[in-house]
N, C-alpha and C. Protein backbone atom coordinates (compact mmCIF):
# COMPACT_ATOMS: atom_id res chain seq x y z
N MET A 1 20.95 -21.68 -11.12
CA MET A 1 22.12 -20.83 -11.13
C MET A 1 21.98 -19.79 -12.23
N GLN A 2 22.40 -18.56 -11.92
CA GLN A 2 22.34 -17.46 -12.88
C GLN A 2 23.71 -16.80 -12.95
N TYR A 3 24.16 -16.51 -14.16
CA TYR A 3 25.42 -15.79 -14.33
C TYR A 3 25.44 -15.08 -15.68
N PHE A 4 26.44 -14.23 -15.87
CA PHE A 4 26.57 -13.42 -17.08
C PHE A 4 27.84 -13.80 -17.83
N VAL A 5 27.75 -13.76 -19.15
CA VAL A 5 28.91 -13.96 -20.01
C VAL A 5 29.12 -12.64 -20.75
N VAL A 6 30.27 -12.02 -20.54
CA VAL A 6 30.60 -10.77 -21.21
C VAL A 6 31.71 -11.08 -22.21
N MET A 7 31.41 -10.91 -23.50
CA MET A 7 32.39 -11.19 -24.55
C MET A 7 33.08 -9.89 -24.95
N ILE A 8 34.39 -9.87 -24.73
CA ILE A 8 35.21 -8.70 -25.07
C ILE A 8 35.95 -9.00 -26.37
N ASP A 9 35.93 -8.06 -27.29
CA ASP A 9 36.60 -8.21 -28.58
C ASP A 9 37.88 -7.39 -28.58
N TYR A 10 39.01 -8.07 -28.73
CA TYR A 10 40.32 -7.41 -28.74
C TYR A 10 40.84 -7.21 -30.17
N GLY A 11 39.98 -7.34 -31.15
CA GLY A 11 40.39 -7.15 -32.54
C GLY A 11 41.25 -8.31 -33.00
N ARG A 12 42.41 -8.01 -33.53
CA ARG A 12 43.31 -9.05 -34.05
C ARG A 12 43.79 -10.01 -32.97
N ARG A 13 43.80 -9.54 -31.74
CA ARG A 13 44.28 -10.40 -30.65
C ARG A 13 43.23 -11.41 -30.19
N GLY A 14 42.02 -11.31 -30.74
CA GLY A 14 40.99 -12.30 -30.44
C GLY A 14 39.92 -11.79 -29.49
N ARG A 15 39.23 -12.72 -28.89
CA ARG A 15 38.13 -12.41 -27.97
C ARG A 15 38.37 -13.09 -26.63
N GLU A 16 37.69 -12.55 -25.63
CA GLU A 16 37.76 -13.15 -24.30
C GLU A 16 36.35 -13.16 -23.71
N ALA A 17 35.93 -14.31 -23.23
CA ALA A 17 34.65 -14.42 -22.54
C ALA A 17 34.91 -14.35 -21.05
N ILE A 18 34.31 -13.37 -20.40
CA ILE A 18 34.45 -13.24 -18.96
C ILE A 18 33.22 -13.88 -18.33
N VAL A 19 33.46 -14.95 -17.59
CA VAL A 19 32.38 -15.71 -16.96
C VAL A 19 32.73 -15.89 -15.50
N ASP A 20 31.92 -15.33 -14.63
CA ASP A 20 32.14 -15.47 -13.19
C ASP A 20 30.78 -15.54 -12.51
N PRO A 21 30.41 -16.70 -12.01
CA PRO A 21 29.09 -16.84 -11.38
C PRO A 21 28.87 -15.91 -10.19
N GLU A 22 29.92 -15.33 -9.66
CA GLU A 22 29.78 -14.44 -8.51
C GLU A 22 29.44 -13.00 -8.90
N ILE A 23 29.60 -12.65 -10.18
CA ILE A 23 29.35 -11.28 -10.63
C ILE A 23 27.86 -11.09 -10.91
N THR A 24 27.29 -10.08 -10.29
CA THR A 24 25.87 -9.77 -10.46
C THR A 24 25.67 -8.83 -11.65
N ARG A 25 24.43 -8.64 -12.02
CA ARG A 25 24.09 -7.70 -13.08
C ARG A 25 24.60 -6.30 -12.73
N ARG A 26 24.40 -5.92 -11.47
CA ARG A 26 24.85 -4.60 -11.01
C ARG A 26 26.37 -4.45 -11.15
N GLU A 27 27.10 -5.52 -10.87
CA GLU A 27 28.56 -5.48 -10.99
C GLU A 27 28.98 -5.37 -12.46
N VAL A 28 28.28 -6.07 -13.35
CA VAL A 28 28.59 -5.96 -14.78
C VAL A 28 28.38 -4.52 -15.23
N ILE A 29 27.27 -3.92 -14.83
CA ILE A 29 26.98 -2.53 -15.18
C ILE A 29 28.05 -1.60 -14.63
N SER A 30 28.46 -1.84 -13.40
CA SER A 30 29.49 -1.02 -12.77
C SER A 30 30.82 -1.11 -13.52
N ARG A 31 31.18 -2.30 -13.94
CA ARG A 31 32.45 -2.48 -14.66
C ARG A 31 32.42 -1.83 -16.04
N ILE A 32 31.25 -1.81 -16.66
CA ILE A 32 31.13 -1.13 -17.95
C ILE A 32 31.22 0.38 -17.74
N SER A 33 30.50 0.88 -16.75
CA SER A 33 30.50 2.32 -16.46
C SER A 33 31.89 2.83 -16.11
N SER A 34 32.66 2.01 -15.40
CA SER A 34 34.00 2.43 -14.98
C SER A 34 35.02 2.33 -16.11
N GLY A 35 34.66 1.65 -17.20
CA GLY A 35 35.60 1.48 -18.30
C GLY A 35 36.41 0.21 -18.22
N GLU A 36 36.18 -0.58 -17.18
CA GLU A 36 36.92 -1.84 -17.04
C GLU A 36 36.58 -2.80 -18.19
N TYR A 37 35.31 -2.84 -18.57
CA TYR A 37 34.89 -3.64 -19.72
C TYR A 37 34.68 -2.69 -20.90
N GLN A 38 35.43 -2.92 -21.98
CA GLN A 38 35.30 -2.11 -23.19
C GLN A 38 35.23 -3.05 -24.39
N ASN A 39 34.84 -2.51 -25.52
CA ASN A 39 34.74 -3.28 -26.77
C ASN A 39 33.93 -4.56 -26.58
N ILE A 40 32.76 -4.41 -26.03
CA ILE A 40 31.91 -5.55 -25.72
C ILE A 40 31.21 -6.03 -26.99
N SER A 41 31.34 -7.32 -27.29
CA SER A 41 30.63 -7.91 -28.42
C SER A 41 29.21 -8.26 -28.03
N PHE A 42 29.06 -8.90 -26.88
CA PHE A 42 27.73 -9.22 -26.40
C PHE A 42 27.78 -9.56 -24.91
N ILE A 43 26.60 -9.52 -24.30
CA ILE A 43 26.44 -9.93 -22.90
C ILE A 43 25.26 -10.87 -22.87
N HIS A 44 25.49 -12.07 -22.38
CA HIS A 44 24.42 -13.06 -22.26
C HIS A 44 24.16 -13.33 -20.79
N GLU A 45 22.90 -13.47 -20.46
CA GLU A 45 22.49 -13.86 -19.12
C GLU A 45 22.06 -15.32 -19.18
N ILE A 46 22.73 -16.15 -18.41
CA ILE A 46 22.43 -17.57 -18.36
C ILE A 46 21.65 -17.83 -17.07
N ALA A 47 20.47 -18.39 -17.19
CA ALA A 47 19.66 -18.73 -16.02
C ALA A 47 19.05 -20.10 -16.26
N GLY A 48 19.49 -21.06 -15.48
CA GLY A 48 19.02 -22.43 -15.67
C GLY A 48 19.44 -22.95 -17.03
N ASN A 49 18.47 -23.32 -17.84
CA ASN A 49 18.74 -23.84 -19.19
C ASN A 49 18.48 -22.81 -20.28
N SER A 50 18.30 -21.54 -19.91
CA SER A 50 18.00 -20.52 -20.92
C SER A 50 19.12 -19.50 -21.03
N VAL A 51 19.24 -18.94 -22.22
CA VAL A 51 20.23 -17.90 -22.50
C VAL A 51 19.49 -16.70 -23.09
N GLU A 52 19.77 -15.52 -22.54
CA GLU A 52 19.13 -14.31 -23.05
C GLU A 52 20.21 -13.28 -23.38
N ASP A 53 20.09 -12.67 -24.55
CA ASP A 53 21.02 -11.60 -24.94
C ASP A 53 20.54 -10.31 -24.27
N VAL A 54 21.30 -9.84 -23.29
CA VAL A 54 20.94 -8.64 -22.54
C VAL A 54 21.89 -7.48 -22.83
N THR A 55 22.60 -7.57 -23.94
CA THR A 55 23.61 -6.57 -24.29
C THR A 55 23.04 -5.16 -24.31
N GLU A 56 22.00 -4.94 -25.07
CA GLU A 56 21.44 -3.60 -25.23
C GLU A 56 20.93 -3.04 -23.90
N ALA A 57 20.23 -3.86 -23.16
CA ALA A 57 19.66 -3.40 -21.88
C ALA A 57 20.76 -3.01 -20.89
N ILE A 58 21.79 -3.82 -20.79
CA ILE A 58 22.86 -3.53 -19.83
C ILE A 58 23.70 -2.33 -20.28
N LEU A 59 23.99 -2.23 -21.57
CA LEU A 59 24.75 -1.08 -22.06
C LEU A 59 23.97 0.21 -21.85
N THR A 60 22.66 0.15 -22.02
CA THR A 60 21.81 1.32 -21.77
C THR A 60 21.86 1.71 -20.31
N GLU A 61 21.73 0.74 -19.42
CA GLU A 61 21.80 1.02 -17.99
C GLU A 61 23.16 1.58 -17.59
N ALA A 62 24.21 1.06 -18.19
CA ALA A 62 25.57 1.51 -17.85
C ALA A 62 25.80 2.95 -18.30
N ALA A 63 25.09 3.38 -19.34
CA ALA A 63 25.27 4.74 -19.87
C ALA A 63 24.52 5.78 -19.06
N LEU A 64 23.52 5.36 -18.29
CA LEU A 64 22.72 6.30 -17.51
C LEU A 64 23.45 6.69 -16.23
N PRO A 65 23.46 7.97 -15.91
CA PRO A 65 24.10 8.37 -14.66
C PRO A 65 23.25 7.92 -13.47
N GLU A 66 23.93 7.50 -12.42
CA GLU A 66 23.21 7.11 -11.22
C GLU A 66 22.98 8.33 -10.36
N ILE A 67 21.72 8.57 -10.01
CA ILE A 67 21.36 9.70 -9.17
C ILE A 67 20.81 9.14 -7.87
N PRO A 68 21.49 9.38 -6.76
CA PRO A 68 20.98 8.88 -5.49
C PRO A 68 19.59 9.44 -5.21
N PRO A 69 18.69 8.64 -4.67
CA PRO A 69 17.31 9.09 -4.44
C PRO A 69 17.23 10.37 -3.61
N GLU A 70 18.15 10.56 -2.69
CA GLU A 70 18.10 11.77 -1.86
C GLU A 70 18.43 13.03 -2.64
N ASP A 71 19.01 12.90 -3.84
CA ASP A 71 19.33 14.07 -4.67
C ASP A 71 18.19 14.49 -5.58
N VAL A 72 17.14 13.71 -5.65
CA VAL A 72 16.00 14.02 -6.50
C VAL A 72 15.03 14.89 -5.70
N ASP A 73 14.74 16.07 -6.23
CA ASP A 73 13.84 17.00 -5.56
C ASP A 73 12.51 17.00 -6.31
N LEU A 74 11.58 16.17 -5.83
CA LEU A 74 10.30 16.02 -6.52
C LEU A 74 9.48 17.30 -6.48
N GLN A 75 9.59 18.07 -5.42
CA GLN A 75 8.83 19.32 -5.35
C GLN A 75 9.33 20.29 -6.41
N ALA A 76 10.62 20.37 -6.61
CA ALA A 76 11.17 21.27 -7.62
C ALA A 76 10.71 20.85 -9.01
N ILE A 77 10.65 19.56 -9.25
CA ILE A 77 10.19 19.06 -10.55
C ILE A 77 8.74 19.49 -10.77
N ARG A 78 7.89 19.34 -9.74
CA ARG A 78 6.48 19.71 -9.86
C ARG A 78 6.35 21.21 -10.10
N LEU A 79 7.13 22.02 -9.38
CA LEU A 79 7.05 23.47 -9.54
C LEU A 79 7.55 23.90 -10.92
N ASP A 80 8.58 23.25 -11.43
CA ASP A 80 9.05 23.55 -12.79
C ASP A 80 7.96 23.28 -13.81
N HIS A 81 7.23 22.20 -13.61
CA HIS A 81 6.16 21.84 -14.53
C HIS A 81 5.05 22.91 -14.50
N ILE A 82 4.70 23.37 -13.31
CA ILE A 82 3.68 24.41 -13.17
C ILE A 82 4.15 25.70 -13.83
N ARG A 83 5.41 26.07 -13.62
CA ARG A 83 5.96 27.28 -14.22
C ARG A 83 5.91 27.19 -15.75
N ASP A 84 6.26 26.03 -16.28
CA ASP A 84 6.23 25.85 -17.73
C ASP A 84 4.81 25.96 -18.28
N LEU A 85 3.82 25.43 -17.52
CA LEU A 85 2.42 25.55 -17.95
C LEU A 85 1.98 27.01 -17.98
N ARG A 86 2.35 27.76 -16.95
CA ARG A 86 1.96 29.17 -16.89
C ARG A 86 2.61 29.95 -18.02
N LYS A 87 3.86 29.66 -18.30
CA LYS A 87 4.57 30.36 -19.37
C LYS A 87 3.89 30.06 -20.70
N HIS A 88 3.48 28.82 -20.89
CA HIS A 88 2.81 28.42 -22.12
C HIS A 88 1.46 29.12 -22.26
N GLU A 89 0.72 29.28 -21.15
CA GLU A 89 -0.59 29.94 -21.16
C GLU A 89 -0.44 31.42 -21.53
N GLN A 90 0.67 32.04 -21.16
CA GLN A 90 0.86 33.46 -21.41
C GLN A 90 1.19 33.75 -22.88
N THR A 91 1.66 32.76 -23.60
CA THR A 91 2.02 32.99 -24.99
C THR A 91 0.89 32.71 -25.93
């Protein structure tokens, strides 16, 4: 069994551990991105008998904007790179 523990710090009002075996990593990231989870103390991933602190990794993922694959124009990226090389050669 694998699940996440998200510890929320409410300051003087205390802390709350959100533990739901049905919530996936993607759902935790989504809730952070949406602002539903704030003031996070830590996020632990429990898998079998091991515990891993995944706070930094998940917060980093939550901060990155999601770009649908169909919105990425690889040809434009390649052409921009070529243009930058030519501009550099001219200077």
